[in-house]
Amino acid sequence: LVEAYKQQVSGLVDGGVDLLMIETVFDTQNCKAAIFAVDEYFLETKKERLPVMLSATIVDNSGRTLSGQTVEAFYVSVKHARAFTVGINCALGAAQMKGFYKKLVDMNSGWCHVYP
């Protein structure tokens, strides 16, 4: 999985992207593999690391990802990643996402984002 993500990072960087976005995360283990792949790619190539955005998908009003993690647990699992921004996306409308976004903002001293 990490190798597949590294190939994708390579293609995106070669294509000239300004940042990388690991999004619609419903399983944090996959997200962590993608984060590891990003870090490995930039270590191996000695290129300057691009900013990384991380975005989890909250699937229903329980406030959990498809694999059962809360917004708080997702953040704790990825806070080591030095992300430019951490946020939530998809599945719910803006009004339903507001409370979960507030929880994330309260935990994260850095930038947060939200989009329905």
PDB file of N, CA and C in Angstrom:
ATOM      1  N   LEU A   1       0.832  -1.191   0.000  1.00  0.00           N
ATOM      2  CA  LEU A   1       0.000   0.000   0.000  1.00  0.00           C
ATOM      3  C   LEU A   1       0.875   1.252   0.000  1.00  0.00           C
ATOM      4  N   VAL A   2       1.923   1.242   0.832  1.00  0.00           N
ATOM      5  CA  VAL A   2       2.829   2.397   0.899  1.00  0.00           C
ATOM      6  C   VAL A   2       3.480   2.629  -0.458  1.00  0.00           C
ATOM      7  N   GLU A   3       3.900   1.568  -1.116  1.00  0.00           N
ATOM      8  CA  GLU A   3       4.536   1.716  -2.431  1.00  0.00           C
ATOM      9  C   GLU A   3       3.574   2.323  -3.448  1.00  0.00           C
ATOM     10  N   ALA A   4       2.323   1.896  -3.409  1.00  0.00           N
ATOM     11  CA  ALA A   4       1.320   2.460  -4.325  1.00  0.00           C
ATOM     12  C   ALA A   4       1.133   3.945  -4.050  1.00  0.00           C
ATOM     13  N   TYR A   5       1.064   4.311  -2.770  1.00  0.00           N
ATOM     14  CA  TYR A   5       0.926   5.725  -2.430  1.00  0.00           C
ATOM     15  C   TYR A   5       2.163   6.515  -2.847  1.00  0.00           C
ATOM     16  N   LYS A   6       3.345   5.950  -2.684  1.00  0.00           N
ATOM     17  CA  LYS A   6       4.567   6.660  -3.094  1.00  0.00           C
ATOM     18  C   LYS A   6       4.565   6.915  -4.600  1.00  0.00           C
ATOM     19  N   GLN A   7       4.092   5.952  -5.379  1.00  0.00           N
ATOM     20  CA  GLN A   7       3.996   6.162  -6.830  1.00  0.00           C
ATOM     21  C   GLN A   7       3.039   7.298  -7.147  1.00  0.00           C
ATOM     22  N   GLN A   8       1.941   7.366  -6.413  1.00  0.00           N
ATOM     23  CA  GLN A   8       0.984   8.449  -6.633  1.00  0.00           C
ATOM     24  C   GLN A   8       1.581   9.799  -6.250  1.00  0.00           C
ATOM     25  N   VAL A   9       2.300   9.850  -5.144  1.00  0.00           N
ATOM     26  CA  VAL A   9       2.963  11.086  -4.728  1.00  0.00           C
ATOM     27  C   VAL A   9       3.950  11.516  -5.808  1.00  0.00           C
ATOM     28  N   SER A  10       4.730  10.577  -6.312  1.00  0.00           N
ATOM     29  CA  SER A  10       5.714  10.871  -7.349  1.00  0.00           C
ATOM     30  C   SER A  10       5.048  11.477  -8.584  1.00  0.00           C
ATOM     31  N   GLY A  11       3.974  10.872  -9.024  1.00  0.00           N
ATOM     32  CA  GLY A  11       3.262  11.384 -10.196  1.00  0.00           C
ATOM     33  C   GLY A  11       2.698  12.772  -9.969  1.00  0.00           C
ATOM     34  N   LEU A  12       2.155  12.995  -8.787  1.00  0.00           N
ATOM     35  CA  LEU A  12       1.599  14.314  -8.477  1.00  0.00           C
ATOM     36  C   LEU A  12       2.693  15.376  -8.404  1.00  0.00           C
ATOM     37  N   VAL A  13       3.798  15.036  -7.746  1.00  0.00           N
ATOM     38  CA  VAL A  13       4.911  15.986  -7.643  1.00  0.00           C
ATOM     39  C   VAL A  13       5.497  16.261  -9.026  1.00  0.00           C
ATOM     40  N   ASP A  14       5.700  15.222  -9.816  1.00  0.00           N
ATOM     41  CA  ASP A  14       6.204  15.398 -11.179  1.00  0.00           C
ATOM     42  C   ASP A  14       5.259  16.256 -12.016  1.00  0.00           C
ATOM     43  N   GLY A  15       3.969  16.159 -11.727  1.00  0.00           N
ATOM     44  CA  GLY A  15       2.967  16.951 -12.441  1.00  0.00           C
ATOM     45  C   GLY A  15       2.897  18.400 -11.988  1.00  0.00           C
ATOM     46  N   GLY A  16       3.592  18.727 -10.901  1.00  0.00           N
ATOM     47  CA  GLY A  16       3.681  20.122 -10.481  1.00  0.00           C
ATOM     48  C   GLY A  16       2.687  20.576  -9.429  1.00  0.00           C
ATOM     49  N   VAL A  17       2.141  19.669  -8.638  1.00  0.00           N
ATOM     50  CA  VAL A  17       1.188  20.096  -7.615  1.00  0.00           C
ATOM     51  C   VAL A  17       1.867  20.980  -6.569  1.00  0.00           C
ATOM     52  N   ASP A  18       1.073  21.809  -5.920  1.00  0.00           N
ATOM     53  CA  ASP A  18       1.571  22.704  -4.877  1.00  0.00           C
ATOM     54  C   ASP A  18       1.407  22.122  -3.482  1.00  0.00           C
ATOM     55  N   LEU A  19       0.492  21.170  -3.336  1.00  0.00           N
ATOM     56  CA  LEU A  19       0.268  20.512  -2.055  1.00  0.00           C
ATOM     57  C   LEU A  19      -0.324  19.141  -2.304  1.00  0.00           C
ATOM     58  N   LEU A  20      -0.297  18.321  -1.276  1.00  0.00           N
ATOM     59  CA  LEU A  20      -0.870  16.979  -1.358  1.00  0.00           C
ATOM     60  C   LEU A  20      -2.045  16.894  -0.397  1.00  0.00           C
ATOM     61  N   MET A  21      -3.120  16.238  -0.829  1.00  0.00           N
ATOM     62  CA  MET A  21      -4.300  16.097   0.022  1.00  0.00           C
ATOM     63  C   MET A  21      -4.645  14.618   0.154  1.00  0.00           C
ATOM     64  N   ILE A  22      -4.625  14.150   1.371  1.00  0.00           N
ATOM     65  CA  ILE A  22      -5.058  12.793   1.690  1.00  0.00           C
ATOM     66  C   ILE A  22      -6.463  12.963   2.233  1.00  0.00           C
ATOM     67  N   GLU A  23      -7.462  12.588   1.418  1.00  0.00           N
ATOM     68  CA  GLU A  23      -8.828  12.971   1.775  1.00  0.00           C
ATOM     69  C   GLU A  23      -9.805  11.826   1.711  1.00  0.00           C
ATOM     70  N   THR A  24     -10.980  12.116   2.202  1.00  0.00           N
ATOM     71  CA  THR A  24     -12.072  11.176   2.306  1.00  0.00           C
ATOM     72  C   THR A  24     -11.609   9.930   3.049  1.00  0.00           C
ATOM     73  N   VAL A  25     -10.871  10.179   4.128  1.00  0.00           N
ATOM     74  CA  VAL A  25     -10.329   9.106   4.950  1.00  0.00           C
ATOM     75  C   VAL A  25     -11.463   8.479   5.753  1.00  0.00           C
ATOM     76  N   PHE A  26     -11.678   7.195   5.535  1.00  0.00           N
ATOM     77  CA  PHE A  26     -12.653   6.476   6.356  1.00  0.00           C
ATOM     78  C   PHE A  26     -11.960   5.388   7.160  1.00  0.00           C
ATOM     79  N   ASP A  27     -10.685   5.155   6.899  1.00  0.00           N
ATOM     80  CA  ASP A  27      -9.879   4.190   7.644  1.00  0.00           C
ATOM     81  C   ASP A  27      -8.528   4.833   7.937  1.00  0.00           C
ATOM     82  N   THR A  28      -8.278   5.128   9.189  1.00  0.00           N
ATOM     83  CA  THR A  28      -7.069   5.864   9.556  1.00  0.00           C
ATOM     84  C   THR A  28      -5.801   5.076   9.262  1.00  0.00           C
ATOM     85  N   GLN A  29      -5.871   3.760   9.247  1.00  0.00           N
ATOM     86  CA  GLN A  29      -4.681   2.964   8.908  1.00  0.00           C
ATOM     87  C   GLN A  29      -4.226   3.280   7.483  1.00  0.00           C
ATOM     88  N   ASN A  30      -5.167   3.412   6.560  1.00  0.00           N
ATOM     89  CA  ASN A  30      -4.807   3.781   5.184  1.00  0.00           C
ATOM     90  C   ASN A  30      -4.231   5.187   5.144  1.00  0.00           C
ATOM     91  N   CYS A  31      -4.795   6.088   5.927  1.00  0.00           N
ATOM     92  CA  CYS A  31      -4.290   7.456   5.991  1.00  0.00           C
ATOM     93  C   CYS A  31      -2.853   7.468   6.495  1.00  0.00           C
ATOM     94  N   LYS A  32      -2.590   6.690   7.524  1.00  0.00           N
ATOM     95  CA  LYS A  32      -1.244   6.632   8.081  1.00  0.00           C
ATOM     96  C   LYS A  32      -0.263   6.039   7.074  1.00  0.00           C
ATOM     97  N   ALA A  33      -0.712   5.068   6.275  1.00  0.00           N
ATOM     98  CA  ALA A  33       0.140   4.520   5.212  1.00  0.00           C
ATOM     99  C   ALA A  33       0.450   5.599   4.178  1.00  0.00           C
ATOM    100  N   ALA A  34      -0.541   6.417   3.850  1.00  0.00           N
ATOM    101  CA  ALA A  34      -0.328   7.503   2.890  1.00  0.00           C
ATOM    102  C   ALA A  34       0.619   8.559   3.457  1.00  0.00           C
ATOM    103  N   ILE A  35       0.468   8.892   4.725  1.00  0.00           N
ATOM    104  CA  ILE A  35       1.374   9.852   5.372  1.00  0.00           C
ATOM    105  C   ILE A  35       2.794   9.311   5.346  1.00  0.00           C
ATOM    106  N   PHE A  36       2.950   8.046   5.685  1.00  0.00           N
ATOM    107  CA  PHE A  36       4.274   7.412   5.680  1.00  0.00           C
ATOM    108  C   PHE A  36       4.871   7.454   4.274  1.00  0.00           C
ATOM    109  N   ALA A  37       4.038   7.184   3.274  1.00  0.00           N
ATOM    110  CA  ALA A  37       4.509   7.212   1.879  1.00  0.00           C
ATOM    111  C   ALA A  37       4.972   8.610   1.483  1.00  0.00           C
ATOM    112  N   VAL A  38       4.245   9.625   1.892  1.00  0.00           N
ATOM    113  CA  VAL A  38       4.646  11.014   1.604  1.00  0.00           C
ATOM    114  C   VAL A  38       6.006  11.287   2.223  1.00  0.00           C
ATOM    115  N   ASP A  39       6.146  10.953   3.482  1.00  0.00           N
ATOM    116  CA  ASP A  39       7.417  11.205   4.166  1.00  0.00           C
ATOM    117  C   ASP A  39       8.559  10.420   3.531  1.00  0.00           C
ATOM    118  N   GLU A  40       8.323   9.161   3.197  1.00  0.00           N
ATOM    119  CA  GLU A  40       9.354   8.337   2.553  1.00  0.00           C
ATOM    120  C   GLU A  40       9.761   8.910   1.193  1.00  0.00           C
ATOM    121  N   TYR A  41       8.776   9.333   0.416  1.00  0.00           N
ATOM    122  CA  TYR A  41       9.065   9.902  -0.905  1.00  0.00           C
ATOM    123  C   TYR A  41      10.006  11.105  -0.779  1.00  0.00           C
ATOM    124  N   PHE A  42       9.675  12.015   0.118  1.00  0.00           N
ATOM    125  CA  PHE A  42      10.483  13.227   0.240  1.00  0.00           C
ATOM    126  C   PHE A  42      11.841  12.951   0.881  1.00  0.00           C
ATOM    127  N   LEU A  43      11.936  11.964   1.753  1.00  0.00           N
ATOM    128  CA  LEU A  43      13.240  11.570   2.294  1.00  0.00           C
ATOM    129  C   LEU A  43      14.119  10.963   1.197  1.00  0.00           C
ATOM    130  N   GLU A  44      13.521  10.083   0.411  1.00  0.00           N
ATOM    131  CA  GLU A  44      14.280   9.394  -0.636  1.00  0.00           C
ATOM    132  C   GLU A  44      14.714  10.328  -1.758  1.00  0.00           C
ATOM    133  N   THR A  45      13.867  11.259  -2.121  1.00  0.00           N
ATOM    134  CA  THR A  45      14.178  12.145  -3.250  1.00  0.00           C
ATOM    135  C   THR A  45      14.933  13.394  -2.822  1.00  0.00           C
ATOM    136  N   LYS A  46      14.949  13.645  -1.508  1.00  0.00           N
ATOM    137  CA  LYS A  46      15.596  14.844  -0.947  1.00  0.00           C
ATOM    138  C   LYS A  46      14.979  16.142  -1.475  1.00  0.00           C
ATOM    139  N   LYS A  47      13.744  16.043  -1.945  1.00  0.00           N
ATOM    140  CA  LYS A  47      13.005  17.239  -2.362  1.00  0.00           C
ATOM    141  C   LYS A  47      12.354  17.863  -1.136  1.00  0.00           C
ATOM    142  N   GLU A  48      12.055  19.149  -1.240  1.00  0.00           N
ATOM    143  CA  GLU A  48      11.371  19.829  -0.145  1.00  0.00           C
ATOM    144  C   GLU A  48       9.958  19.267  -0.008  1.00  0.00           C
ATOM    145  N   ARG A  49       9.596  18.912   1.223  1.00  0.00           N
ATOM    146  CA  ARG A  49       8.276  18.317   1.474  1.00  0.00           C
ATOM    147  C   ARG A  49       7.189  19.342   1.187  1.00  0.00           C
ATOM    148  N   LEU A  50       6.212  18.933   0.423  1.00  0.00           N
ATOM    149  CA  LEU A  50       5.061  19.790   0.134  1.00  0.00           C
ATOM    150  C   LEU A  50       4.099  19.788   1.325  1.00  0.00           C
ATOM    151  N   PRO A  51       3.303  20.823   1.455  1.00  0.00           N
ATOM    152  CA  PRO A  51       2.266  20.818   2.490  1.00  0.00           C
ATOM    153  C   PRO A  51       1.281  19.669   2.252  1.00  0.00           C
ATOM    154  N   VAL A  52       0.787  19.102   3.331  1.00  0.00           N
ATOM    155  CA  VAL A  52      -0.150  17.978   3.259  1.00  0.00           C
ATOM    156  C   VAL A  52      -1.423  18.354   4.007  1.00  0.00           C
ATOM    157  N   MET A  53      -2.555  18.133   3.345  1.00  0.00           N
ATOM    158  CA  MET A  53      -3.864  18.301   3.976  1.00  0.00           C
ATOM    159  C   MET A  53      -4.424  16.914   4.260  1.00  0.00           C
ATOM    160  N   LEU A  54      -5.028  16.744   5.434  1.00  0.00           N
ATOM    161  CA  LEU A  54      -5.651  15.481   5.812  1.00  0.00           C
ATOM    162  C   LEU A  54      -7.125  15.731   6.063  1.00  0.00           C
ATOM    163  N   SER A  55      -7.981  14.879   5.511  1.00  0.00           N
ATOM    164  CA  SER A  55      -9.412  15.097   5.659  1.00  0.00           C
ATOM    165  C   SER A  55     -10.143  13.774   5.873  1.00  0.00           C
ATOM    166  N   ALA A  56     -10.809  13.646   7.008  1.00  0.00           N
ATOM    167  CA  ALA A  56     -11.579  12.444   7.337  1.00  0.00           C
ATOM    168  C   ALA A  56     -13.029  12.611   6.911  1.00  0.00           C
ATOM    169  N   THR A  57     -13.666  11.499   6.633  1.00  0.00           N
ATOM    170  CA  THR A  57     -15.079  11.500   6.287  1.00  0.00           C
ATOM    171  C   THR A  57     -15.894  10.997   7.469  1.00  0.00           C
ATOM    172  N   ILE A  58     -16.792  11.829   7.933  1.00  0.00           N
ATOM    173  CA  ILE A  58     -17.730  11.443   8.981  1.00  0.00           C
ATOM    174  C   ILE A  58     -18.978  10.939   8.259  1.00  0.00           C
ATOM    175  N   VAL A  59     -19.344   9.679   8.519  1.00  0.00           N
ATOM    176  CA  VAL A  59     -20.371   9.046   7.686  1.00  0.00           C
ATOM    177  C   VAL A  59     -21.805   9.238   8.164  1.00  0.00           C
ATOM    178  N   ASP A  60     -21.975   9.569   9.450  1.00  0.00           N
ATOM    179  CA  ASP A  60     -23.343   9.776   9.929  1.00  0.00           C
ATOM    180  C   ASP A  60     -23.309  10.605  11.216  1.00  0.00           C
ATOM    181  N   ASN A  61     -24.460  10.785  11.818  1.00  0.00           N
ATOM    182  CA  ASN A  61     -24.567  11.654  12.994  1.00  0.00           C
ATOM    183  C   ASN A  61     -23.901  11.093  14.254  1.00  0.00           C
ATOM    184  N   SER A  62     -23.377   9.882  14.171  1.00  0.00           N
ATOM    185  CA  SER A  62     -22.617   9.349  15.307  1.00  0.00           C
ATOM    186  C   SER A  62     -21.272  10.062  15.421  1.00  0.00           C
ATOM    187  N   GLY A  63     -20.861  10.731  14.348  1.00  0.00           N
ATOM    188  CA  GLY A  63     -19.587  11.443  14.345  1.00  0.00           C
ATOM    189  C   GLY A  63     -18.391  10.546  14.144  1.00  0.00           C
ATOM    190  N   ARG A  64     -18.615   9.412  13.528  1.00  0.00           N
ATOM    191  CA  ARG A  64     -17.540   8.439  13.344  1.00  0.00           C
ATOM    192  C   ARG A  64     -17.231   8.218  11.865  1.00  0.00           C
ATOM    193  N   THR A  65     -15.993   7.785  11.637  1.00  0.00           N
ATOM    194  CA  THR A  65     -15.608   7.369  10.291  1.00  0.00           C
ATOM    195  C   THR A  65     -16.221   6.001  10.036  1.00  0.00           C
ATOM    196  N   LEU A  66     -16.133   5.512   8.810  1.00  0.00           N
ATOM    197  CA  LEU A  66     -16.690   4.210   8.469  1.00  0.00           C
ATOM    198  C   LEU A  66     -16.065   3.095   9.306  1.00  0.00           C
ATOM    199  N   SER A  67     -14.801   3.260   9.677  1.00  0.00           N
ATOM    200  CA  SER A  67     -14.142   2.236  10.500  1.00  0.00           C
ATOM    201  C   SER A  67     -14.392   2.438  11.994  1.00  0.00           C
ATOM    202  N   GLY A  68     -15.194   3.441  12.371  1.00  0.00           N
ATOM    203  CA  GLY A  68     -15.633   3.592  13.746  1.00  0.00           C
ATOM    204  C   GLY A  68     -14.897   4.612  14.587  1.00  0.00           C
ATOM    205  N   GLN A  69     -13.947   5.330  14.009  1.00  0.00           N
ATOM    206  CA  GLN A  69     -13.196   6.321  14.784  1.00  0.00           C
ATOM    207  C   GLN A  69     -13.953   7.637  14.908  1.00  0.00           C
ATOM    208  N   THR A  70     -13.870   8.239  16.074  1.00  0.00           N
ATOM    209  CA  THR A  70     -14.437   9.568  16.271  1.00  0.00           C
ATOM    210  C   THR A  70     -13.498  10.607  15.657  1.00  0.00           C
ATOM    211  N   VAL A  71     -13.973  11.827  15.523  1.00  0.00           N
ATOM    212  CA  VAL A  71     -13.131  12.922  15.036  1.00  0.00           C
ATOM    213  C   VAL A  71     -11.927  13.094  15.953  1.00  0.00           C
ATOM    214  N   GLU A  72     -12.167  13.011  17.252  1.00  0.00           N
ATOM    215  CA  GLU A  72     -11.078  13.168  18.209  1.00  0.00           C
ATOM    216  C   GLU A  72     -10.019  12.077  18.032  1.00  0.00           C
ATOM    217  N   ALA A  73     -10.450  10.839  17.872  1.00  0.00           N
ATOM    218  CA  ALA A  73      -9.514   9.727  17.697  1.00  0.00           C
ATOM    219  C   ALA A  73      -8.752   9.860  16.380  1.00  0.00           C
ATOM    220  N   PHE A  74      -9.441  10.314  15.330  1.00  0.00           N
ATOM    221  CA  PHE A  74      -8.758  10.533  14.053  1.00  0.00           C
ATOM    222  C   PHE A  74      -7.637  11.553  14.230  1.00  0.00           C
ATOM    223  N   TYR A  75      -7.946  12.667  14.877  1.00  0.00           N
ATOM    224  CA  TYR A  75      -6.926  13.698  15.054  1.00  0.00           C
ATOM    225  C   TYR A  75      -5.730  13.175  15.848  1.00  0.00           C
ATOM    226  N   VAL A  76      -5.987  12.490  16.939  1.00  0.00           N
ATOM    227  CA  VAL A  76      -4.894  11.946  17.753  1.00  0.00           C
ATOM    228  C   VAL A  76      -4.041  10.993  16.914  1.00  0.00           C
ATOM    229  N   SER A  77      -4.676  10.230  16.029  1.00  0.00           N
ATOM    230  CA  SER A  77      -3.956   9.267  15.195  1.00  0.00           C
ATOM    231  C   SER A  77      -3.067   9.910  14.140  1.00  0.00           C
ATOM    232  N   VAL A  78      -3.381  11.141  13.740  1.00  0.00           N
ATOM    233  CA  VAL A  78      -2.630  11.773  12.636  1.00  0.00           C
ATOM    234  C   VAL A  78      -1.889  13.040  13.040  1.00  0.00           C
ATOM    235  N   LYS A  79      -1.974  13.447  14.281  1.00  0.00           N
ATOM    236  CA  LYS A  79      -1.382  14.733  14.656  1.00  0.00           C
ATOM    237  C   LYS A  79       0.134  14.763  14.493  1.00  0.00           C
ATOM    238  N   HIS A  80       0.764  13.609  14.430  1.00  0.00           N
ATOM    239  CA  HIS A  80       2.215  13.528  14.223  1.00  0.00           C
ATOM    240  C   HIS A  80       2.627  13.905  12.799  1.00  0.00           C
ATOM    241  N   ALA A  81       1.692  14.006  11.888  1.00  0.00           N
ATOM    242  CA  ALA A  81       1.972  14.081  10.453  1.00  0.00           C
ATOM    243  C   ALA A  81       2.465  15.440   9.958  1.00  0.00           C
ATOM    244  N   ARG A  82       2.499  16.437  10.812  1.00  0.00           N
ATOM    245  CA  ARG A  82       2.921  17.775  10.399  1.00  0.00           C
ATOM    246  C   ARG A  82       2.063  18.280   9.233  1.00  0.00           C
ATOM    247  N   ALA A  83       0.769  18.050   9.331  1.00  0.00           N
ATOM    248  CA  ALA A  83      -0.147  18.440   8.257  1.00  0.00           C
ATOM    249  C   ALA A  83      -0.329  19.954   8.228  1.00  0.00           C
ATOM    250  N   PHE A  84      -0.477  20.483   7.027  1.00  0.00           N
ATOM    251  CA  PHE A  84      -0.785  21.903   6.848  1.00  0.00           C
ATOM    252  C   PHE A  84      -2.152  22.200   7.440  1.00  0.00           C
ATOM    253  N   THR A  85      -3.089  21.274   7.221  1.00  0.00           N
ATOM    254  CA  THR A  85      -4.434  21.407   7.757  1.00  0.00           C
ATOM    255  C   THR A  85      -5.036  20.018   7.968  1.00  0.00           C
ATOM    256  N   VAL A  86      -5.887  19.905   8.969  1.00  0.00           N
ATOM    257  CA  VAL A  86      -6.613  18.676   9.256  1.00  0.00           C
ATOM    258  C   VAL A  86      -8.085  19.030   9.275  1.00  0.00           C
ATOM    259  N   GLY A  87      -8.914  18.200   8.633  1.00  0.00           N
ATOM    260  CA  GLY A  87     -10.323  18.550   8.596  1.00  0.00           C
ATOM    261  C   GLY A  87     -11.227  17.377   8.344  1.00  0.00           C
ATOM    262  N   ILE A  88     -12.481  17.714   8.052  1.00  0.00           N
ATOM    263  CA  ILE A  88     -13.502  16.708   7.749  1.00  0.00           C
ATOM    264  C   ILE A  88     -14.216  17.091   6.468  1.00  0.00           C
ATOM    265  N   ASN A  89     -14.751  16.071   5.799  1.00  0.00           N
ATOM    266  CA  ASN A  89     -15.445  16.293   4.535  1.00  0.00           C
ATOM    267  C   ASN A  89     -16.532  15.242   4.314  1.00  0.00           C
ATOM    268  N   CYS A  90     -17.380  15.536   3.344  1.00  0.00           N
ATOM    269  CA  CYS A  90     -18.364  14.595   2.770  1.00  0.00           C
ATOM    270  C   CYS A  90     -19.418  14.081   3.721  1.00  0.00           C
ATOM    271  N   ALA A  91     -20.291  13.298   3.148  1.00  0.00           N
ATOM    272  CA  ALA A  91     -21.304  12.474   3.808  1.00  0.00           C
ATOM    273  C   ALA A  91     -22.419  13.251   4.511  1.00  0.00           C
ATOM    274  N   LEU A  92     -22.119  14.311   5.194  1.00  0.00           N
ATOM    275  CA  LEU A  92     -23.136  15.075   5.912  1.00  0.00           C
ATOM    276  C   LEU A  92     -23.232  16.478   5.335  1.00  0.00           C
ATOM    277  N   GLY A  93     -24.321  17.127   5.588  1.00  0.00           N
ATOM    278  CA  GLY A  93     -24.456  18.519   5.192  1.00  0.00           C
ATOM    279  C   GLY A  93     -23.707  19.429   6.157  1.00  0.00           C
ATOM    280  N   ALA A  94     -23.560  20.672   5.770  1.00  0.00           N
ATOM    281  CA  ALA A  94     -22.786  21.635   6.554  1.00  0.00           C
ATOM    282  C   ALA A  94     -23.319  21.771   7.980  1.00  0.00           C
ATOM    283  N   ALA A  95     -24.624  21.855   8.144  1.00  0.00           N
ATOM    284  CA  ALA A  95     -25.201  22.034   9.482  1.00  0.00           C
ATOM    285  C   ALA A  95     -24.877  20.840  10.383  1.00  0.00           C
ATOM    286  N   GLN A  96     -24.928  19.633   9.824  1.00  0.00           N
ATOM    287  CA  GLN A  96     -24.638  18.433  10.613  1.00  0.00           C
ATOM    288  C   GLN A  96     -23.152  18.305  10.944  1.00  0.00           C
ATOM    289  N   MET A  97     -22.297  18.890  10.140  1.00  0.00           N
ATOM    290  CA  MET A  97     -20.856  18.768  10.351  1.00  0.00           C
ATOM    291  C   MET A  97     -20.322  19.773  11.367  1.00  0.00           C
ATOM    292  N   LYS A  98     -21.078  20.805  11.643  1.00  0.00           N
ATOM    293  CA  LYS A  98     -20.581  21.913  12.462  1.00  0.00           C
ATOM    294  C   LYS A  98     -20.075  21.461  13.834  1.00  0.00           C
ATOM    295  N   GLY A  99     -20.815  20.627  14.530  1.00  0.00           N
ATOM    296  CA  GLY A  99     -20.411  20.171  15.857  1.00  0.00           C
ATOM    297  C   GLY A  99     -19.136  19.348  15.833  1.00  0.00           C
ATOM    298  N   PHE A 100     -19.001  18.515  14.817  1.00  0.00           N
ATOM    299  CA  PHE A 100     -17.799  17.682  14.701  1.00  0.00           C
ATOM    300  C   PHE A 100     -16.589  18.549  14.347  1.00  0.00           C
ATOM    301  N   TYR A 101     -16.824  19.553  13.508  1.00  0.00           N
ATOM    302  CA  TYR A 101     -15.753  20.490  13.165  1.00  0.00           C
ATOM    303  C   TYR A 101     -15.301  21.255  14.404  1.00  0.00           C
ATOM    304  N   LYS A 102     -16.248  21.671  15.231  1.00  0.00           N
ATOM    305  CA  LYS A 102     -15.919  22.395  16.460  1.00  0.00           C
ATOM    306  C   LYS A 102     -15.039  21.541  17.359  1.00  0.00           C
ATOM    307  N   LYS A 103     -15.341  20.249  17.477  1.00  0.00           N
ATOM    308  CA  LYS A 103     -14.513  19.352  18.283  1.00  0.00           C
ATOM    309  C   LYS A 103     -13.086  19.312  17.754  1.00  0.00           C
ATOM    310  N   LEU A 104     -12.950  19.257  16.438  1.00  0.00           N
ATOM    311  CA  LEU A 104     -11.628  19.215  15.820  1.00  0.00           C
ATOM    312  C   LEU A 104     -10.873  20.516  16.067  1.00  0.00           C
ATOM    313  N   VAL A 105     -11.541  21.635  15.884  1.00  0.00           N
ATOM    314  CA  VAL A 105     -10.926  22.950  16.104  1.00  0.00           C
ATOM    315  C   VAL A 105     -10.453  23.090  17.552  1.00  0.00           C
ATOM    316  N   ASP A 106     -11.247  22.598  18.486  1.00  0.00           N
ATOM    317  CA  ASP A 106     -10.886  22.700  19.897  1.00  0.00           C
ATOM    318  C   ASP A 106      -9.632  21.890  20.235  1.00  0.00           C
ATOM    319  N   MET A 107      -9.373  20.828  19.494  1.00  0.00           N
ATOM    320  CA  MET A 107      -8.208  19.967  19.761  1.00  0.00           C
ATOM    321  C   MET A 107      -6.948  20.412  19.034  1.00  0.00           C
ATOM    322  N   ASN A 108      -7.120  20.963  17.845  1.00  0.00           N
ATOM    323  CA  ASN A 108      -6.000  21.233  16.948  1.00  0.00           C
ATOM    324  C   ASN A 108      -5.586  22.698  17.047  1.00  0.00           C
ATOM    325  N   SER A 109      -4.343  22.931  17.401  1.00  0.00           N
ATOM    326  CA  SER A 109      -3.867  24.319  17.490  1.00  0.00           C
ATOM    327  C   SER A 109      -3.486  24.869  16.127  1.00  0.00           C
ATOM    328  N   GLY A 110      -3.469  24.013  15.114  1.00  0.00           N
ATOM    329  CA  GLY A 110      -3.133  24.440  13.750  1.00  0.00           C
ATOM    330  C   GLY A 110      -4.379  24.732  12.924  1.00  0.00           C
ATOM    331  N   TRP A 111      -4.211  24.739  11.618  1.00  0.00           N
ATOM    332  CA  TRP A 111      -5.298  25.017  10.685  1.00  0.00           C
ATOM    333  C   TRP A 111      -6.242  23.835  10.564  1.00  0.00           C
ATOM    334  N   CYS A 112      -7.525  24.132  10.443  1.00  0.00           N
ATOM    335  CA  CYS A 112      -8.567  23.120  10.220  1.00  0.00           C
ATOM    336  C   CYS A 112      -9.371  23.512   8.987  1.00  0.00           C
ATOM    337  N   HIS A 113     -10.035  22.527   8.400  1.00  0.00           N
ATOM    338  CA  HIS A 113     -10.908  22.812   7.255  1.00  0.00           C
ATOM    339  C   HIS A 113     -12.145  21.912   7.336  1.00  0.00           C
ATOM    340  N   VAL A 114     -13.177  22.325   6.621  1.00  0.00           N
ATOM    341  CA  VAL A 114     -14.393  21.524   6.519  1.00  0.00           C
ATOM    342  C   VAL A 114     -15.029  21.799   5.172  1.00  0.00           C
ATOM    343  N   TYR A 115     -15.525  20.745   4.546  1.00  0.00           N
ATOM    344  CA  TYR A 115     -16.335  20.911   3.334  1.00  0.00           C
ATOM    345  C   TYR A 115     -17.305  19.748   3.213  1.00  0.00           C
ATOM    346  N   PRO A 116     -18.590  20.065   2.960  1.00  0.00           N
ATOM    347  CA  PRO A 116     -19.607  19.012   2.865  1.00  0.00           C
ATOM    348  C   PRO A 116     -19.518  18.242   1.554  1.00  0.00           C
TER     349      PRO A 116
END
